[in-house]
Amino acid sequence: MPSARLVVATSLVGLFVLSLGIGVDDLPMGSVLTDAGALQLLLVSRLPRTVAVVLTGAGLAIAGLVLQILVRNRFVEPITTGTGQSAALGVLAVTLLFPTASIAMKTLGASVAALAGTSVFLSIAHRLPPTQPFLIPLFGLVYGGVIGAAVTFIAWQTDLLQYVDIWTNGEFSGVLRGRYELLWILAAMVALAWWVADRLTIASMGREVSVGLGLNYQRIVQLGLVMVAVISSLAVVVVGMIPFVGLVVPNLVSRLMGDNLKSALPWVAVTGAVLLLACDIIGRLIRYPYEIPVGTVLGVVGSGLFLWILFGRTQRA
């Protein structure tokens, strides 16, 4: 649908510019080139935050799409399958063992934990009866809840509950130049997902079909798990858990643009960036000059979109 693509692309550009101008301090765009203070505000705070939102939204949408392909279920995303909670557990473990660890080291620990947690979920999910598709997301919620409870218990015992609250409630108010650059790895993950899109499409048909068509099924599954784990861990470490992006965006794009993964994947990334950027702006404006975390805003907006997708799918059926 060319009209849908035009709306999404125009929305991204408009929201990006709008985000640069929103904040407690006024930032007239016309004075950026002549006012050193305005230029510093733009480069240190506004631009890094906006870029971080775009990268995170695109990355989480792609992570959700890849996970849905691996699990062969439309109703899962990293936050509802224990991936995000496992990443938080990894960050907590690194913080306890190495209190002065850098963001890069925390990201590494979170990635390893997220990879392990997602692998366990995937191995169990493939054993559930395929005729009951809602069992997988239900199991994912229980599985993630158990890991999340373990994180909370350990944090309570070690007096780190405030840190856990930061990791589990996504928001961008603390993003500044020097604290978001690792998120550029998400752009690399999006490019990698596009590069292997055809192989992911074959993998979505199952192990037998994939092997019959000459695909190394195990390797592509491992690659998909690495992509999901890296994206989820980076998001948790830098900005915290953000729900619904990986759940609703792939379904929205599939509904509007079809299931051709190679052509739809870039629009999944762009739509994820648009959704997260819009919710971040809403959170900054609704109680201006205070902020509502984008994770809270997405909890409301995302649940509404998910119900619309669910009931719309039911009505068409």
Protein backbone atom coordinates (compact mmCIF):
# COMPACT_ATOMS: atom_id res chain seq x y z
CA MET A 1 0.00 0.00 0.00
CA PRO A 2 1.89 3.09 -1.22
CA SER A 3 -0.39 5.43 0.74
CA ALA A 4 0.37 3.61 4.02
CA ARG A 5 4.11 3.76 3.31
CA LEU A 6 3.89 7.49 2.57
CA VAL A 7 1.99 8.14 5.82
CA VAL A 8 4.50 6.17 7.88
CA ALA A 9 7.55 7.83 6.30
CA THR A 10 6.04 11.33 6.63
CA SER A 11 5.08 10.61 10.24
CA LEU A 12 8.62 9.58 11.08
CA VAL A 13 10.11 12.79 9.68
CA GLY A 14 7.47 15.00 11.31
CA LEU A 15 7.73 13.34 14.72
CA PHE A 16 11.54 13.42 14.59
CA VAL A 17 11.54 17.19 14.06
CA LEU A 18 8.80 17.69 16.66
CA SER A 19 10.75 15.68 19.24
CA LEU A 20 13.78 17.92 18.80
CA GLY A 21 11.73 20.96 19.80
CA ILE A 22 10.08 19.52 22.93
CA GLY A 23 11.69 20.07 26.31
CA VAL A 24 11.75 22.26 29.39
CA ASP A 25 14.17 24.72 27.77
CA ASP A 26 13.08 26.48 24.60
CA LEU A 27 15.03 25.51 21.50
CA PRO A 28 14.24 27.74 18.52
CA MET A 29 15.56 25.84 15.52
CA GLY A 30 16.43 29.08 13.78
CA SER A 31 18.95 29.99 16.48
CA VAL A 32 20.86 26.70 16.49
CA LEU A 33 23.51 27.97 14.08
CA THR A 34 23.97 31.30 15.84
CA ASP A 35 23.49 30.41 19.53
CA ALA A 36 26.18 28.18 21.05
CA GLY A 37 23.92 27.26 23.99
CA ALA A 38 21.10 26.15 21.70
CA LEU A 39 23.50 24.08 19.59
CA GLN A 40 24.90 22.39 22.68
CA LEU A 41 21.39 21.60 23.95
CA LEU A 42 20.53 20.07 20.59
CA LEU A 43 23.67 17.96 20.31
CA VAL A 44 23.95 16.87 23.95
CA SER A 45 20.32 16.19 24.82
CA ARG A 46 17.59 16.56 22.20
CA LEU A 47 19.24 14.85 19.23
CA PRO A 48 20.67 11.88 21.21
CA ARG A 49 17.29 11.28 22.84
CA THR A 50 15.38 11.39 19.56
CA VAL A 51 17.90 9.13 17.80
CA ALA A 52 17.77 6.71 20.75
CA VAL A 53 13.98 6.53 20.51
CA VAL A 54 14.12 5.83 16.78
CA LEU A 55 16.80 3.14 17.12
CA THR A 56 15.03 1.46 20.05
CA GLY A 57 11.63 1.46 18.35
CA ALA A 58 13.06 0.02 15.13
CA GLY A 59 15.11 -2.59 16.99
CA LEU A 60 12.31 -3.80 19.26
CA ALA A 61 9.90 -4.11 16.32
CA ILE A 62 12.44 -6.24 14.42
CA ALA A 63 13.14 -8.34 17.52
CA GLY A 64 9.43 -9.03 17.86
CA LEU A 65 9.16 -9.98 14.19
CA VAL A 66 12.14 -12.35 14.34
CA LEU A 67 10.86 -13.98 17.54
CA GLN A 68 7.41 -14.47 16.03
CA ILE A 69 9.03 -16.20 13.05
CA LEU A 70 11.16 -18.46 15.25
CA VAL A 71 8.25 -19.42 17.51
CA ARG A 72 5.78 -19.46 14.58
CA ASN A 73 3.26 -17.52 16.62
CA ARG A 74 1.97 -13.96 16.07
CA PHE A 75 1.24 -13.28 19.74
CA VAL A 76 4.72 -13.18 21.26
CA GLU A 77 7.41 -10.52 21.76
CA PRO A 78 10.61 -10.36 23.85
CA ILE A 79 8.85 -8.90 26.91
CA THR A 80 6.19 -11.65 26.96
CA THR A 81 8.61 -14.56 26.47
CA GLY A 82 11.07 -13.92 29.28
CA THR A 83 13.75 -12.35 27.07
CA GLY A 84 13.51 -8.91 28.64
CA GLN A 85 13.30 -10.36 32.14
CA SER A 86 16.33 -12.56 31.46
CA ALA A 87 18.25 -9.51 30.28
CA ALA A 88 17.33 -7.73 33.51
CA LEU A 89 18.57 -10.75 35.46
CA GLY A 90 21.86 -10.58 33.56
CA VAL A 91 22.27 -6.87 34.32
CA LEU A 92 21.52 -7.53 37.98
CA ALA A 93 24.10 -10.33 38.14
CA VAL A 94 26.79 -8.15 36.56
CA THR A 95 25.92 -5.28 38.92
CA LEU A 96 26.24 -7.55 41.94
CA LEU A 97 29.47 -9.22 40.83
CA PHE A 98 31.12 -6.15 39.27
CA PRO A 99 29.63 -2.98 40.79
CA THR A 100 31.81 -0.68 38.67
CA ALA A 101 31.08 -2.47 35.38
CA SER A 102 30.67 -0.32 32.28
CA ILE A 103 27.51 -0.17 30.18
CA ALA A 104 29.22 -2.37 27.58
CA MET A 105 29.96 -5.07 30.18
CA LYS A 106 26.40 -4.92 31.50
CA THR A 107 25.14 -5.25 27.95
CA LEU A 108 27.31 -8.34 27.44
CA GLY A 109 25.99 -9.93 30.62
CA ALA A 110 22.42 -9.07 29.69
CA SER A 111 22.91 -10.51 26.18
CA VAL A 112 24.20 -13.82 27.51
CA ALA A 113 21.33 -14.10 29.99
CA ALA A 114 18.75 -13.07 27.37
CA LEU A 115 20.12 -15.63 24.91
CA ALA A 116 19.92 -18.38 27.52
CA GLY A 117 16.43 -17.39 28.64
CA THR A 118 15.09 -17.17 25.08
CA SER A 119 16.65 -20.51 24.15
CA VAL A 120 14.87 -22.20 27.06
CA PHE A 121 11.58 -20.60 26.06
CA LEU A 122 11.97 -21.61 22.42
CA SER A 123 12.86 -25.21 23.26
CA ILE A 124 9.74 -25.56 25.43
CA ALA A 125 7.46 -23.63 23.06
CA HIS A 126 8.24 -26.02 20.19
CA ARG A 127 6.96 -28.90 22.33
CA LEU A 128 3.56 -27.31 22.90
CA PRO A 129 0.70 -28.54 20.66
CA PRO A 130 0.60 -26.42 17.46
CA THR A 131 -3.20 -26.68 17.42
CA GLN A 132 -3.36 -24.47 20.54
CA PRO A 133 -1.61 -21.23 19.46
CA PHE A 134 -2.61 -19.30 22.58
CA LEU A 135 -0.70 -21.74 24.82
CA ILE A 136 2.63 -20.24 23.67
CA PRO A 137 1.96 -16.63 24.74
CA LEU A 138 0.33 -17.87 27.96
CA PHE A 139 3.38 -19.97 28.74
CA GLY A 140 5.60 -17.01 27.85
CA LEU A 141 3.78 -14.77 30.32
CA VAL A 142 4.16 -17.34 33.10
CA TYR A 143 7.80 -17.99 32.20
CA GLY A 144 8.64 -14.28 32.10
CA GLY A 145 6.74 -13.73 35.34
CA VAL A 146 8.80 -16.37 37.13
CA ILE A 147 12.09 -14.82 35.95
CA GLY A 148 10.81 -11.33 36.80
CA ALA A 149 9.87 -12.50 40.28
CA ALA A 150 13.36 -13.94 40.76
CA VAL A 151 14.88 -10.61 39.69
CA THR A 152 12.69 -8.72 42.15
CA PHE A 153 13.50 -11.12 45.00
CA ILE A 154 17.26 -10.91 44.43
CA ALA A 155 17.08 -7.12 44.13
CA TRP A 156 15.08 -6.90 47.35
CA GLN A 157 17.60 -9.06 49.19
CA THR A 158 20.51 -6.95 47.92
CA ASP A 159 18.83 -3.53 48.25
CA LEU A 160 18.79 -2.91 44.48
CA LEU A 161 15.06 -2.51 43.91
CA GLN A 162 15.47 1.06 42.69
CA TYR A 163 17.88 -0.08 39.99
CA VAL A 164 15.51 -2.85 38.92
CA ASP A 165 12.70 -0.33 38.65
CA ILE A 166 14.82 1.64 36.17
CA TRP A 167 15.51 -1.46 34.07
CA THR A 168 11.88 -2.61 34.04
CA ASN A 169 10.20 0.72 33.26
CA GLY A 170 11.40 2.09 29.95
CA GLU A 171 11.98 5.84 29.63
CA PHE A 172 14.36 8.15 27.78
CA SER A 173 14.77 11.08 30.16
CA GLY A 174 18.30 10.01 31.10
CA VAL A 175 19.55 9.65 27.53
CA LEU A 176 22.38 12.07 26.76
CA ARG A 177 25.36 12.14 24.44
CA GLY A 178 27.76 9.48 25.64
CA ARG A 179 25.02 7.23 27.09
CA TYR A 180 23.17 6.00 24.03
CA GLU A 181 25.83 5.22 21.39
CA LEU A 182 25.60 1.45 21.97
CA LEU A 183 22.09 1.62 20.53
CA TRP A 184 23.63 2.02 17.06
CA ILE A 185 24.20 -1.73 17.28
CA LEU A 186 20.42 -2.01 16.89
CA ALA A 187 20.74 -0.50 13.41
CA ALA A 188 23.23 -3.25 12.56
CA MET A 189 20.77 -5.87 13.84
CA VAL A 190 18.01 -4.41 11.64
CA ALA A 191 20.32 -4.58 8.61
CA LEU A 192 21.28 -8.16 9.48
CA ALA A 193 17.62 -9.17 9.77
CA TRP A 194 16.94 -7.70 6.31
CA TRP A 195 19.95 -9.55 4.89
CA VAL A 196 18.71 -12.95 6.15
CA ALA A 197 15.00 -12.22 5.58
CA ASP A 198 14.62 -14.88 2.88
CA ARG A 199 16.20 -17.52 5.12
CA LEU A 200 13.97 -16.47 8.02
CA THR A 201 10.96 -16.90 5.74
CA ILE A 202 12.01 -20.46 4.96
CA ALA A 203 12.73 -21.15 8.64
CA SER A 204 9.18 -20.06 9.51
CA MET A 205 7.92 -23.12 7.58
CA GLY A 206 9.46 -25.48 10.13
CA ARG A 207 12.52 -27.69 10.45
CA GLU A 208 11.51 -30.39 7.93
CA VAL A 209 10.65 -27.97 5.12
CA SER A 210 13.74 -25.84 5.81
CA VAL A 211 16.10 -28.84 5.69
CA GLY A 212 14.35 -30.11 2.57
CA LEU A 213 15.02 -26.77 0.86
CA GLY A 214 18.69 -26.89 1.80
CA LEU A 215 18.63 -24.39 4.70
CA ASN A 216 20.76 -24.92 7.79
CA TYR A 217 17.78 -24.59 10.12
CA GLN A 218 19.72 -24.77 13.37
CA ARG A 219 22.13 -22.05 12.32
CA ILE A 220 19.42 -19.60 11.25
CA VAL A 221 17.55 -20.21 14.53
CA GLN A 222 20.73 -19.51 16.48
CA LEU A 223 21.29 -16.33 14.47
CA GLY A 224 17.72 -15.21 15.15
CA LEU A 225 18.15 -15.87 18.87
CA VAL A 226 21.33 -13.79 18.93
CA MET A 227 19.54 -10.89 17.20
CA VAL A 228 16.63 -11.01 19.66
CA ALA A 229 18.93 -11.30 22.67
CA VAL A 230 21.24 -8.44 21.62
CA ILE A 231 18.37 -6.08 20.80
CA SER A 232 16.49 -6.86 24.02
CA SER A 233 19.57 -6.56 26.24
CA LEU A 234 20.62 -3.24 24.71
CA ALA A 235 17.14 -1.84 25.22
CA VAL A 236 16.99 -3.00 28.85
CA VAL A 237 20.45 -1.69 29.74
CA VAL A 238 20.13 1.72 28.07
CA VAL A 239 16.44 2.64 28.42
CA GLY A 240 14.63 -0.20 30.25
CA MET A 241 11.87 -2.61 29.24
CA ILE A 242 9.41 -1.26 26.69
CA PRO A 243 6.32 -3.38 26.01
CA PHE A 244 4.08 -3.97 22.98
CA VAL A 245 6.36 -2.57 20.24
CA GLY A 246 7.51 -6.03 19.18
CA LEU A 247 3.99 -7.40 19.51
CA VAL A 248 1.73 -4.94 17.70
CA VAL A 249 4.03 -3.46 15.03
CA PRO A 250 4.73 -6.69 13.06
CA ASN A 251 1.02 -7.50 13.12
CA LEU A 252 0.04 -4.00 11.99
CA VAL A 253 2.51 -4.03 9.10
CA SER A 254 1.46 -7.54 8.10
CA ARG A 255 -2.17 -6.45 8.08
CA LEU A 256 -1.52 -3.32 5.99
CA MET A 257 1.34 -4.40 3.71
CA GLY A 258 1.20 -8.18 3.50
CA ASP A 259 3.55 -10.97 4.60
CA ASN A 260 6.42 -10.53 2.14
CA LEU A 261 9.14 -10.39 4.78
CA LYS A 262 11.88 -8.92 2.59
CA SER A 263 9.78 -5.93 1.56
CA ALA A 264 7.87 -5.52 4.83
CA LEU A 265 10.87 -5.69 7.18
CA PRO A 266 12.10 -2.10 6.62
CA TRP A 267 8.57 -0.83 7.23
CA VAL A 268 8.35 -2.85 10.43
CA ALA A 269 11.45 -0.97 11.63
CA VAL A 270 10.10 2.43 10.51
CA THR A 271 6.66 1.79 12.05
CA GLY A 272 8.25 0.71 15.33
CA ALA A 273 10.23 3.95 15.39
CA VAL A 274 7.09 5.99 14.65
CA LEU A 275 5.06 4.27 17.39
CA LEU A 276 7.73 4.69 20.05
CA LEU A 277 8.48 8.27 19.01
CA ALA A 278 4.79 9.20 19.15
CA CYS A 279 4.37 7.64 22.61
CA ASP A 280 7.53 9.35 23.88
CA ILE A 281 6.21 12.72 22.72
CA ILE A 282 2.83 12.05 24.36
CA GLY A 283 4.59 11.17 27.62
CA ARG A 284 6.55 14.43 27.49
CA LEU A 285 3.53 16.62 26.74
CA ILE A 286 0.70 15.15 28.81
CA ARG A 287 2.10 16.51 32.12
CA TYR A 288 4.53 19.08 30.75
CA PRO A 289 7.12 19.98 32.04
CA TYR A 290 7.11 16.60 33.81
CA GLU A 291 7.34 13.29 31.96
CA ILE A 292 5.41 10.05 31.97
CA PRO A 293 7.69 7.09 31.11
CA VAL A 294 7.21 5.90 27.56
CA GLY A 295 6.72 2.34 28.85
CA THR A 296 3.62 3.50 30.73
CA VAL A 297 2.23 5.32 27.69
CA LEU A 298 2.86 2.29 25.50
CA GLY A 299 1.12 0.08 28.04
CA VAL A 300 -2.08 2.02 27.29
CA VAL A 301 -1.60 2.65 23.56
CA GLY A 302 -0.15 -0.80 22.85
CA SER A 303 -2.91 -2.67 24.65
CA GLY A 304 -5.51 -0.73 22.67
CA LEU A 305 -3.77 -1.52 19.38
CA PHE A 306 -3.41 -5.18 20.34
CA LEU A 307 -7.12 -5.49 21.13
CA TRP A 308 -7.95 -3.83 17.80
CA ILE A 309 -5.71 -6.31 15.97
CA LEU A 310 -7.14 -9.26 17.92
CA PHE A 311 -10.81 -8.38 17.43
CA GLY A 312 -10.23 -7.32 13.84
CA ARG A 313 -8.63 -10.69 13.13
CA THR A 314 -11.57 -12.43 14.80
CA GLN A 315 -14.15 -10.49 12.77
CA ARG A 316 -12.36 -11.30 9.49
CA ALA A 317 -12.25 -14.96 10.48
